């Protein structure tokens, strides 16, 4: 609010006194009018201050929400990047599991073949032992 200089105040009061003398019929002195105008102006100022405070609160609220939403967006992007990394790791893991399963099938097939070969060798060894036993008895008996 602008303040009046000391000389201005005296000028105002002097002008007001002169006007009061001229308008003495109206019953409303210049000072009373000035006080009424002052109250109206102060009321208007208070309304404008309240509007400004409300606008400032709205702006602060909007700024807070903007910051929250930006942080949320950053978190979503980071989560997306992590999800992509996990997905790539899972794809690699799946391919390794597929290789292990393929190798396990091959190993199972190879072990079955080896088992059958060993069984065949033991059967042949038993057969040879039997034949060798017969041969030994035949030589002993003859």
C-alpha atoms as a PDB file:
ATOM      1  CA  UNK A   1       0.000   0.000   0.000  1.00  0.00           C
ATOM      2  CA  UNK A   2       1.315   3.407  -0.852  1.00  0.00           C
ATOM      3  CA  UNK A   3       1.898   5.629   2.129  1.00  0.00           C
ATOM      4  CA  UNK A   4       1.136   9.312   2.164  1.00  0.00           C
ATOM      5  CA  UNK A   5       3.858  11.789   2.794  1.00  0.00           C
ATOM      6  CA  UNK A   6       3.357  14.106   5.721  1.00  0.00           C
ATOM      7  CA  UNK A   7       2.648  17.057   3.431  1.00  0.00           C
ATOM      8  CA  UNK A   8       0.128  15.011   1.423  1.00  0.00           C
ATOM      9  CA  UNK A   9      -1.789  14.112   4.568  1.00  0.00           C
ATOM     10  CA  UNK A  10      -2.135  17.737   5.523  1.00  0.00           C
ATOM     11  CA  UNK A  11      -3.210  18.574   1.979  1.00  0.00           C
ATOM     12  CA  UNK A  12      -5.801  15.819   2.097  1.00  0.00           C
ATOM     13  CA  UNK A  13      -7.138  16.978   5.452  1.00  0.00           C
ATOM     14  CA  UNK A  14      -7.195  20.577   4.257  1.00  0.00           C
ATOM     15  CA  UNK A  15      -9.043  19.554   1.069  1.00  0.00           C
ATOM     16  CA  UNK A  16     -11.398  17.440   3.118  1.00  0.00           C
ATOM     17  CA  UNK A  17     -12.140  20.342   5.485  1.00  0.00           C
ATOM     18  CA  UNK A  18     -12.826  22.618   2.529  1.00  0.00           C
ATOM     19  CA  UNK A  19     -15.165  20.067   0.966  1.00  0.00           C
ATOM     20  CA  UNK A  20     -16.933  19.533   4.272  1.00  0.00           C
ATOM     21  CA  UNK A  21     -17.608  23.220   4.483  1.00  0.00           C
ATOM     22  CA  UNK A  22     -19.000  23.212   0.954  1.00  0.00           C
ATOM     23  CA  UNK A  23     -21.030  19.971   1.407  1.00  0.00           C
ATOM     24  CA  UNK A  24     -22.221  20.560   4.949  1.00  0.00           C
ATOM     25  CA  UNK A  25     -25.817  20.008   3.799  1.00  0.00           C
ATOM     26  CA  UNK A  26     -25.281  16.348   2.820  1.00  0.00           C
ATOM     27  CA  UNK A  27     -24.397  15.240   6.362  1.00  0.00           C
ATOM     28  CA  UNK A  28     -21.569  13.085   5.036  1.00  0.00           C
ATOM     29  CA  UNK A  29     -18.186  14.508   5.829  1.00  0.00           C
ATOM     30  CA  UNK A  30     -15.206  13.973   3.569  1.00  0.00           C
ATOM     31  CA  UNK A  31     -13.413  12.015   6.282  1.00  0.00           C
ATOM     32  CA  UNK A  32     -16.432   9.742   6.769  1.00  0.00           C
ATOM     33  CA  UNK A  33     -16.571   9.166   3.018  1.00  0.00           C
ATOM     34  CA  UNK A  34     -12.860   8.450   2.979  1.00  0.00           C
ATOM     35  CA  UNK A  35     -13.226   5.931   5.828  1.00  0.00           C
ATOM     36  CA  UNK A  36     -16.102   4.243   3.991  1.00  0.00           C
ATOM     37  CA  UNK A  37     -14.050   4.107   0.772  1.00  0.00           C
ATOM     38  CA  UNK A  38     -11.141   2.758   2.793  1.00  0.00           C
ATOM     39  CA  UNK A  39     -13.299  -0.063   4.215  1.00  0.00           C
ATOM     40  CA  UNK A  40     -14.586  -0.953   0.741  1.00  0.00           C
ATOM     41  CA  UNK A  41     -11.048  -0.925  -0.636  1.00  0.00           C
ATOM     42  CA  UNK A  42      -9.791  -3.061   2.262  1.00  0.00           C
ATOM     43  CA  UNK A  43     -12.643  -5.527   1.682  1.00  0.00           C
ATOM     44  CA  UNK A  44     -11.766  -5.695  -2.006  1.00  0.00           C
ATOM     45  CA  UNK A  45      -8.095  -6.155  -1.108  1.00  0.00           C
ATOM     46  CA  UNK A  46      -8.972  -9.003   1.278  1.00  0.00           C
ATOM     47  CA  UNK A  47     -11.064 -10.676  -1.438  1.00  0.00           C
ATOM     48  CA  UNK A  48      -8.171 -10.390  -3.906  1.00  0.00           C
ATOM     49  CA  UNK A  49      -5.749 -11.742  -1.285  1.00  0.00           C
ATOM     50  CA  UNK A  50      -8.057 -14.720  -0.673  1.00  0.00           C
ATOM     51  CA  UNK A  51      -8.330 -15.338  -4.413  1.00  0.00           C
ATOM     52  CA  UNK A  52      -4.544 -15.128  -4.735  1.00  0.00           C
ATOM     53  CA  UNK A  53      -4.070 -17.520  -1.788  1.00  0.00           C
ATOM     54  CA  UNK A  54      -6.544 -19.972  -3.346  1.00  0.00           C
ATOM     55  CA  UNK A  55      -4.817 -19.719  -6.725  1.00  0.00           C
ATOM     56  CA  UNK A  56      -1.443 -20.238  -5.032  1.00  0.00           C
ATOM     57  CA  UNK A  57      -2.778 -23.301  -3.176  1.00  0.00           C
ATOM     58  CA  UNK A  58      -4.160 -24.693  -6.453  1.00  0.00           C
ATOM     59  CA  UNK A  59      -0.824 -24.051  -8.160  1.00  0.00           C
ATOM     60  CA  UNK A  60       1.066 -25.743  -5.314  1.00  0.00           C
ATOM     61  CA  UNK A  61      -1.316 -28.702  -5.450  1.00  0.00           C
ATOM     62  CA  UNK A  62      -0.943 -28.985  -9.226  1.00  0.00           C
ATOM     63  CA  UNK A  63       2.847 -28.743  -8.949  1.00  0.00           C
ATOM     64  CA  UNK A  64       2.871 -31.460  -6.291  1.00  0.00           C
ATOM     65  CA  UNK A  65       0.741 -33.724  -8.464  1.00  0.00           C
ATOM     66  CA  UNK A  66       2.965 -33.039 -11.459  1.00  0.00           C
ATOM     67  CA  UNK A  67       6.028 -34.080  -9.435  1.00  0.00           C
ATOM     68  CA  UNK A  68       4.248 -37.221  -8.211  1.00  0.00           C
ATOM     69  CA  UNK A  69       3.180 -38.155 -11.723  1.00  0.00           C
ATOM     70  CA  UNK A  70       6.680 -37.552 -13.109  1.00  0.00           C
ATOM     71  CA  UNK A  71       8.114 -39.809 -10.395  1.00  0.00           C
ATOM     72  CA  UNK A  72       5.460 -42.416 -11.153  1.00  0.00           C
ATOM     73  CA  UNK A  73       6.313 -42.284 -14.852  1.00  0.00           C
ATOM     74  CA  UNK A  74      10.026 -42.685 -14.083  1.00  0.00           C
ATOM     75  CA  UNK A  75       9.236 -45.688 -11.864  1.00  0.00           C
ATOM     76  CA  UNK A  76       7.064 -47.215 -14.586  1.00  0.00           C
ATOM     77  CA  UNK A  77       9.844 -46.773 -17.162  1.00  0.00           C
ATOM     78  CA  UNK A  78      12.394 -48.302 -14.775  1.00  0.00           C
ATOM     79  CA  UNK A  79      10.025 -51.219 -14.076  1.00  0.00           C
ATOM     80  CA  UNK A  80       9.542 -51.714 -17.801  1.00  0.00           C
ATOM     81  CA  UNK A  81      13.306 -51.801 -18.347  1.00  0.00           C
ATOM     82  CA  UNK A  82      13.701 -54.326 -15.529  1.00  0.00           C
ATOM     83  CA  UNK A  83      10.850 -56.417 -16.931  1.00  0.00           C
ATOM     84  CA  UNK A  84      12.618 -56.469 -20.311  1.00  0.00           C
ATOM     85  CA  UNK A  85      15.857 -57.586 -18.650  1.00  0.00           C
ATOM     86  CA  UNK A  86      14.021 -60.348 -16.758  1.00  0.00           C
ATOM     87  CA  UNK A  87      12.309 -61.426 -19.978  1.00  0.00           C
ATOM     88  CA  UNK A  88      15.644 -61.665 -21.813  1.00  0.00           C
ATOM     89  CA  UNK A  89      17.099 -63.719 -18.948  1.00  0.00           C
ATOM     90  CA  UNK A  90      14.071 -66.036 -19.012  1.00  0.00           C
ATOM     91  CA  UNK A  91      14.418 -66.534 -22.774  1.00  0.00           C
ATOM     92  CA  UNK A  92      18.084 -67.436 -22.285  1.00  0.00           C
ATOM     93  CA  UNK A  93      17.191 -69.762 -19.394  1.00  0.00           C
ATOM     94  CA  UNK A  94      14.505 -71.462 -21.507  1.00  0.00           C
ATOM     95  CA  UNK A  95      16.955 -72.080 -24.337  1.00  0.00           C
ATOM     96  CA  UNK A  96      19.427 -73.559 -21.840  1.00  0.00           C
ATOM     97  CA  UNK A  97      16.712 -75.764 -20.348  1.00  0.00           C
ATOM     98  CA  UNK A  98      15.795 -76.899 -23.869  1.00  0.00           C
ATOM     99  CA  UNK A  99      19.447 -77.797 -24.493  1.00  0.00           C
ATOM    100  CA  UNK A 100      19.658 -79.670 -21.190  1.00  0.00           C
ATOM    101  CA  UNK A 101      16.467 -81.568 -22.004  1.00  0.00           C
ATOM    102  CA  UNK A 102      17.755 -82.416 -25.482  1.00  0.00           C
ATOM    103  CA  UNK A 103      21.057 -83.516 -23.984  1.00  0.00           C
ATOM    104  CA  UNK A 104      19.225 -85.494 -21.298  1.00  0.00           C
ATOM    105  CA  UNK A 105      17.208 -87.322 -23.963  1.00  0.00           C
ATOM    106  CA  UNK A 106      20.405 -88.026 -25.876  1.00  0.00           C
ATOM    107  CA  UNK A 107      22.108 -89.146 -22.665  1.00  0.00           C
ATOM    108  CA  UNK A 108      19.168 -91.383 -21.783  1.00  0.00           C
ATOM    109  CA  UNK A 109      19.266 -92.937 -25.249  1.00  0.00           C
ATOM    110  CA  UNK A 110      23.043 -93.360 -25.016  1.00  0.00           C
ATOM    111  CA  UNK A 111      22.783 -94.956 -21.557  1.00  0.00           C
ATOM    112  CA  UNK A 112      20.140 -97.379 -22.810  1.00  0.00           C
ATOM    113  CA  UNK A 113      22.398 -98.361 -25.702  1.00  0.00           C
ATOM    114  CA  UNK A 114      25.393 -98.701 -23.350  1.00  0.00           C
ATOM    115  CA  UNK A 115      23.326-100.764 -20.893  1.00  0.00           C
ATOM    116  CA  UNK A 116      22.197-103.073 -23.684  1.00  0.00           C
ATOM    117  CA  UNK A 117      25.809-103.362 -24.934  1.00  0.00           C
ATOM    118  CA  UNK A 118      27.111-104.170 -21.425  1.00  0.00           C
ATOM    119  CA  UNK A 119      24.276-106.667 -20.935  1.00  0.00           C
ATOM    120  CA  UNK A 120      25.171-108.232 -24.261  1.00  0.00           C
ATOM    121  CA  UNK A 121      28.864-108.420 -23.232  1.00  0.00           C
ATOM    122  CA  UNK A 122      27.926-110.104 -19.916  1.00  0.00           C
ATOM    123  CA  UNK A 123      25.615-112.520 -21.755  1.00  0.00           C
ATOM    124  CA  UNK A 124      28.405-113.322 -24.193  1.00  0.00           C
ATOM    125  CA  UNK A 125      30.839-113.689 -21.269  1.00  0.00           C
ATOM    126  CA  UNK A 126      28.385-116.090 -19.579  1.00  0.00           C
ATOM    127  CA  UNK A 127      28.004-117.982 -22.818  1.00  0.00           C
ATOM    128  CA  UNK A 128      31.783-118.173 -23.259  1.00  0.00           C
ATOM    129  CA  UNK A 129      32.169-119.330 -19.634  1.00  0.00           C
ATOM    130  CA  UNK A 130      29.569-122.009 -20.232  1.00  0.00           C
ATOM    131  CA  UNK A 131      31.241-123.107 -23.462  1.00  0.00           C
ATOM    132  CA  UNK A 132      34.671-122.981 -21.812  1.00  0.00           C
ATOM    133  CA  UNK A 133      33.337-125.121 -18.952  1.00  0.00           C
ATOM    134  CA  UNK A 134      31.965-127.665 -21.402  1.00  0.00           C
ATOM    135  CA  UNK A 135      35.214-127.640 -23.315  1.00  0.00           C
ATOM    136  CA  UNK A 136      37.185-128.154 -20.111  1.00  0.00           C
ATOM    137  CA  UNK A 137      34.992-131.130 -19.090  1.00  0.00           C
ATOM    138  CA  UNK A 138      35.241-132.583 -22.587  1.00  0.00           C
ATOM    139  CA  UNK A 139      39.053-132.410 -22.480  1.00  0.00           C
ATOM    140  CA  UNK A 140      39.173-133.816 -19.037  1.00  0.00           C
ATOM    141  CA  UNK A 141      36.840-136.639 -19.929  1.00  0.00           C
ATOM    142  CA  UNK A 142      38.685-137.515 -23.127  1.00  0.00           C
END
